[in-house]
Amino acid sequence: MIFKSIALAADHAGYPVKEAIKAYLIENNIEVKDFGTNSEESTDYADYAHPMAASVENKEYEIGIAVCGSGNGINMTVNKHQSIRAALCWSVEISEMARLHNDANICTIPGRYVSLEEAIKIVDKFVNTVFEGGRHQNRIDKIPV
């Protein structure tokens, strides 16, 4: 894996997927910081997403993985941070392109719409794909406002 430190966040709907991802990363000797949540009790994704995104933005962790029910809410939240490029990844192919062409630094996953097996495959592709740079860097440089 090209990344060695990964921050995680999820709401109650994403909790089971986050836990499976966390176990997978730890098994692969990745440093993991879990910003929560820690149960399936109803909670607000922003309470966990903002601290996780800040840790990536401040370079405390190389990348992040965020999970909520549809993936949309937590994705919108982390993308409020200026240097975050979060991609909503519902397939391995989308995950790969998010890294290759967009240099995404947070992978968001729709926990209610992918299996645990598919979520692990999405994360595996994300953490093992190198940004192509080149013409894509110019486009990324135009993202911040």
C-alpha atoms as a PDB file:
ATOM      1  CA  MET A   1       0.000   0.000   0.000  1.00  0.00           C
ATOM      2  CA  ILE A   2       1.339   3.409  -0.907  1.00  0.00           C
ATOM      3  CA  PHE A   3      -0.253   5.141   2.076  1.00  0.00           C
ATOM      4  CA  LYS A   4       0.821   4.323   5.616  1.00  0.00           C
ATOM      5  CA  SER A   5      -1.471   6.522   7.715  1.00  0.00           C
ATOM      6  CA  ILE A   6      -5.216   6.732   7.184  1.00  0.00           C
ATOM      7  CA  ALA A   7      -7.955   8.598   9.046  1.00  0.00           C
ATOM      8  CA  LEU A   8     -11.453   7.082   9.273  1.00  0.00           C
ATOM      9  CA  ALA A   9     -14.882   8.546   9.995  1.00  0.00           C
ATOM     10  CA  ALA A  10     -18.453   7.304   9.759  1.00  0.00           C
ATOM     11  CA  ASP A  11     -21.934   7.891  11.034  1.00  0.00           C
ATOM     12  CA  HIS A  12     -24.207   5.157  12.399  1.00  0.00           C
ATOM     13  CA  ALA A  13     -25.155   3.915   8.902  1.00  0.00           C
ATOM     14  CA  GLY A  14     -21.508   3.618   7.922  1.00  0.00           C
ATOM     15  CA  TYR A  15     -20.290   2.133  11.187  1.00  0.00           C
ATOM     16  CA  PRO A  16     -20.264  -1.568  10.150  1.00  0.00           C
ATOM     17  CA  VAL A  17     -18.421  -0.785   6.910  1.00  0.00           C
ATOM     18  CA  LYS A  18     -15.930   1.471   8.720  1.00  0.00           C
ATOM     19  CA  GLU A  19     -15.186  -1.294  11.192  1.00  0.00           C
ATOM     20  CA  ALA A  20     -14.526  -3.805   8.389  1.00  0.00           C
ATOM     21  CA  ILE A  21     -12.263  -1.312   6.615  1.00  0.00           C
ATOM     22  CA  LYS A  22     -10.425  -0.563   9.861  1.00  0.00           C
ATOM     23  CA  ALA A  23      -9.758  -4.266  10.456  1.00  0.00           C
ATOM     24  CA  TYR A  24      -8.506  -4.675   6.879  1.00  0.00           C
ATOM     25  CA  LEU A  25      -6.132  -1.709   7.173  1.00  0.00           C
ATOM     26  CA  ILE A  26      -4.769  -2.815  10.549  1.00  0.00           C
ATOM     27  CA  GLU A  27      -4.189  -6.331   9.161  1.00  0.00           C
ATOM     28  CA  ASN A  28      -2.098  -4.655   6.465  1.00  0.00           C
ATOM     29  CA  ASN A  29       0.014  -2.716   8.976  1.00  0.00           C
ATOM     30  CA  ILE A  30      -1.506   0.672   8.222  1.00  0.00           C
ATOM     31  CA  GLU A  31      -1.618   3.309  10.958  1.00  0.00           C
ATOM     32  CA  VAL A  32      -5.296   4.076  11.509  1.00  0.00           C
ATOM     33  CA  LYS A  33      -6.961   6.908  13.404  1.00  0.00           C
ATOM     34  CA  ASP A  34     -10.664   6.275  13.942  1.00  0.00           C
ATOM     35  CA  PHE A  35     -12.560   9.525  14.494  1.00  0.00           C
ATOM     36  CA  GLY A  36     -15.799   7.633  15.147  1.00  0.00           C
ATOM     37  CA  THR A  37     -18.619   6.935  15.455  1.00  0.00           C
ATOM     38  CA  ASN A  38     -18.324   3.882  17.641  1.00  0.00           C
ATOM     39  CA  SER A  39     -21.774   2.325  17.343  1.00  0.00           C
ATOM     40  CA  GLU A  40     -24.885   2.075  15.198  1.00  0.00           C
ATOM     41  CA  GLU A  41     -26.724   4.550  17.452  1.00  0.00           C
ATOM     42  CA  SER A  42     -28.077   7.455  15.401  1.00  0.00           C
ATOM     43  CA  THR A  43     -25.615  10.315  15.094  1.00  0.00           C
ATOM     44  CA  ASP A  44     -24.614  13.191  12.802  1.00  0.00           C
ATOM     45  CA  TYR A  45     -21.853  12.494  10.270  1.00  0.00           C
ATOM     46  CA  ALA A  46     -20.462  16.045  10.467  1.00  0.00           C
ATOM     47  CA  ASP A  47     -19.376  15.478  14.075  1.00  0.00           C
ATOM     48  CA  TYR A  48     -16.855  12.877  12.832  1.00  0.00           C
ATOM     49  CA  ALA A  49     -16.243  14.061   9.273  1.00  0.00           C
ATOM     50  CA  HIS A  50     -14.893  17.518  10.129  1.00  0.00           C
ATOM     51  CA  PRO A  51     -12.186  16.346  12.576  1.00  0.00           C
ATOM     52  CA  MET A  52     -11.159  13.577  10.172  1.00  0.00           C
ATOM     53  CA  ALA A  53     -10.964  15.953   7.199  1.00  0.00           C
ATOM     54  CA  ALA A  54      -8.973  18.445   9.282  1.00  0.00           C
ATOM     55  CA  SER A  55      -6.443  15.723  10.123  1.00  0.00           C
ATOM     56  CA  VAL A  56      -5.923  15.030   6.401  1.00  0.00           C
ATOM     57  CA  GLU A  57      -5.880  18.724   5.566  1.00  0.00           C
ATOM     58  CA  ASN A  58      -3.228  19.330   8.264  1.00  0.00           C
ATOM     59  CA  LYS A  59      -1.210  16.331   7.009  1.00  0.00           C
ATOM     60  CA  GLU A  60      -1.501  14.434  10.278  1.00  0.00           C
ATOM     61  CA  TYR A  61      -2.788  11.554   8.132  1.00  0.00           C
ATOM     62  CA  GLU A  62      -2.053  10.984   4.458  1.00  0.00           C
ATOM     63  CA  ILE A  63      -5.585  10.186   3.355  1.00  0.00           C
ATOM     64  CA  GLY A  64      -9.037   9.552   4.781  1.00  0.00           C
ATOM     65  CA  ILE A  65     -11.906   7.155   4.341  1.00  0.00           C
ATOM     66  CA  ALA A  66     -15.426   8.263   5.227  1.00  0.00           C
ATOM     67  CA  VAL A  67     -18.651   6.251   5.255  1.00  0.00           C
ATOM     68  CA  CYS A  68     -22.303   7.181   5.692  1.00  0.00           C
ATOM     69  CA  GLY A  69     -25.513   5.654   4.393  1.00  0.00           C
ATOM     70  CA  SER A  70     -25.505   7.107   0.878  1.00  0.00           C
ATOM     71  CA  GLY A  71     -21.994   8.538   1.038  1.00  0.00           C
ATOM     72  CA  ASN A  72     -23.350  11.898  -0.077  1.00  0.00           C
ATOM     73  CA  GLY A  73     -23.715  13.714   3.238  1.00  0.00           C
ATOM     74  CA  ILE A  74     -20.288  12.857   4.564  1.00  0.00           C
ATOM     75  CA  ASN A  75     -18.765  13.599   1.143  1.00  0.00           C
ATOM     76  CA  MET A  76     -20.332  17.063   1.058  1.00  0.00           C
ATOM     77  CA  THR A  77     -19.108  17.709   4.589  1.00  0.00           C
ATOM     78  CA  VAL A  78     -15.459  16.792   4.083  1.00  0.00           C
ATOM     79  CA  ASN A  79     -15.338  18.673   0.778  1.00  0.00           C
ATOM     80  CA  LYS A  80     -16.041  21.916   2.685  1.00  0.00           C
ATOM     81  CA  HIS A  81     -12.382  21.783   3.723  1.00  0.00           C
ATOM     82  CA  GLN A  82     -10.293  23.763   1.244  1.00  0.00           C
ATOM     83  CA  SER A  83      -7.575  21.205   0.496  1.00  0.00           C
ATOM     84  CA  ILE A  84      -9.780  18.133   0.577  1.00  0.00           C
ATOM     85  CA  ARG A  85     -10.634  16.351  -2.647  1.00  0.00           C
ATOM     86  CA  ALA A  86     -13.094  13.697  -1.555  1.00  0.00           C
ATOM     87  CA  ALA A  87     -14.574  11.305  -4.082  1.00  0.00           C
ATOM     88  CA  LEU A  88     -17.777   9.319  -3.635  1.00  0.00           C
ATOM     89  CA  CYS A  89     -16.662   5.822  -4.606  1.00  0.00           C
ATOM     90  CA  TRP A  90     -19.292   3.144  -5.178  1.00  0.00           C
ATOM     91  CA  SER A  91     -17.122   0.904  -7.374  1.00  0.00           C
ATOM     92  CA  VAL A  92     -13.509  -0.123  -7.749  1.00  0.00           C
ATOM     93  CA  GLU A  93     -13.293   1.684 -11.084  1.00  0.00           C
ATOM     94  CA  ILE A  94     -14.526   4.985  -9.626  1.00  0.00           C
ATOM     95  CA  SER A  95     -12.063   4.603  -6.752  1.00  0.00           C
ATOM     96  CA  GLU A  96      -9.188   4.088  -9.162  1.00  0.00           C
ATOM     97  CA  MET A  97     -10.106   7.082 -11.313  1.00  0.00           C
ATOM     98  CA  ALA A  98     -10.518   9.269  -8.218  1.00  0.00           C
ATOM     99  CA  ARG A  99      -6.868   8.658  -7.393  1.00  0.00           C
ATOM    100  CA  LEU A 100      -5.468   8.513 -10.952  1.00  0.00           C
ATOM    101  CA  HIS A 101      -7.066  11.671 -12.318  1.00  0.00           C
ATOM    102  CA  ASN A 102      -8.276  13.657  -9.305  1.00  0.00           C
ATOM    103  CA  ASP A 103      -5.628  12.900  -6.668  1.00  0.00           C
ATOM    104  CA  ALA A 104      -8.507  12.360  -4.233  1.00  0.00           C
ATOM    105  CA  ASN A 105      -7.330  12.397  -0.643  1.00  0.00           C
ATOM    106  CA  ILE A 106     -10.554  11.103   0.922  1.00  0.00           C
ATOM    107  CA  CYS A 107     -12.533   8.130  -0.303  1.00  0.00           C
ATOM    108  CA  THR A 108     -16.188   8.251   0.687  1.00  0.00           C
ATOM    109  CA  ILE A 109     -18.263   5.101   0.521  1.00  0.00           C
ATOM    110  CA  PRO A 110     -22.050   4.617   0.518  1.00  0.00           C
ATOM    111  CA  GLY A 111     -22.302   2.117   3.367  1.00  0.00           C
ATOM    112  CA  ARG A 112     -25.880   1.078   2.666  1.00  0.00           C
ATOM    113  CA  TYR A 113     -25.261   0.438  -1.030  1.00  0.00           C
ATOM    114  CA  VAL A 114     -22.073  -1.621  -1.176  1.00  0.00           C
ATOM    115  CA  SER A 115     -21.253  -4.957   0.421  1.00  0.00           C
ATOM    116  CA  LEU A 116     -18.443  -5.242   2.962  1.00  0.00           C
ATOM    117  CA  GLU A 117     -16.453  -7.159   0.341  1.00  0.00           C
ATOM    118  CA  GLU A 118     -16.953  -4.430  -2.259  1.00  0.00           C
ATOM    119  CA  ALA A 119     -16.053  -1.714   0.273  1.00  0.00           C
ATOM    120  CA  ILE A 120     -12.737  -3.448   0.997  1.00  0.00           C
ATOM    121  CA  LYS A 121     -12.015  -3.718  -2.745  1.00  0.00           C
ATOM    122  CA  ILE A 122     -12.800  -0.008  -3.191  1.00  0.00           C
ATOM    123  CA  VAL A 123     -10.443   0.910  -0.345  1.00  0.00           C
ATOM    124  CA  ASP A 124      -7.735  -1.451  -1.579  1.00  0.00           C
ATOM    125  CA  LYS A 125      -7.780   0.176  -5.016  1.00  0.00           C
ATOM    126  CA  PHE A 126      -7.836   3.679  -3.531  1.00  0.00           C
ATOM    127  CA  VAL A 127      -4.842   3.119  -1.253  1.00  0.00           C
ATOM    128  CA  ASN A 128      -2.824   1.382  -3.983  1.00  0.00           C
ATOM    129  CA  THR A 129      -3.337   3.824  -6.839  1.00  0.00           C
ATOM    130  CA  VAL A 130      -0.836   6.584  -7.590  1.00  0.00           C
ATOM    131  CA  PHE A 131      -1.938   9.933  -9.007  1.00  0.00           C
ATOM    132  CA  GLU A 132      -0.921  10.262 -12.674  1.00  0.00           C
ATOM    133  CA  GLY A 133      -0.135  13.966 -12.454  1.00  0.00           C
ATOM    134  CA  GLY A 134       0.621  15.588 -15.793  1.00  0.00           C
ATOM    135  CA  ARG A 135      -2.405  17.199 -17.425  1.00  0.00           C
ATOM    136  CA  HIS A 136      -4.510  16.277 -14.392  1.00  0.00           C
ATOM    137  CA  GLN A 137      -2.396  18.413 -12.046  1.00  0.00           C
ATOM    138  CA  ASN A 138      -3.334  21.577 -13.941  1.00  0.00           C
ATOM    139  CA  ARG A 139      -7.025  20.743 -13.476  1.00  0.00           C
ATOM    140  CA  ILE A 140      -6.606  20.027  -9.776  1.00  0.00           C
ATOM    141  CA  ASP A 141      -4.792  23.320  -9.298  1.00  0.00           C
ATOM    142  CA  LYS A 142      -7.978  25.080 -10.463  1.00  0.00           C
ATOM    143  CA  ILE A 143     -10.267  23.441  -7.882  1.00  0.00           C
ATOM    144  CA  PRO A 144      -9.698  25.661  -4.800  1.00  0.00           C
ATOM    145  CA  VAL A 145     -11.697  28.884  -4.543  1.00  0.00           C
END
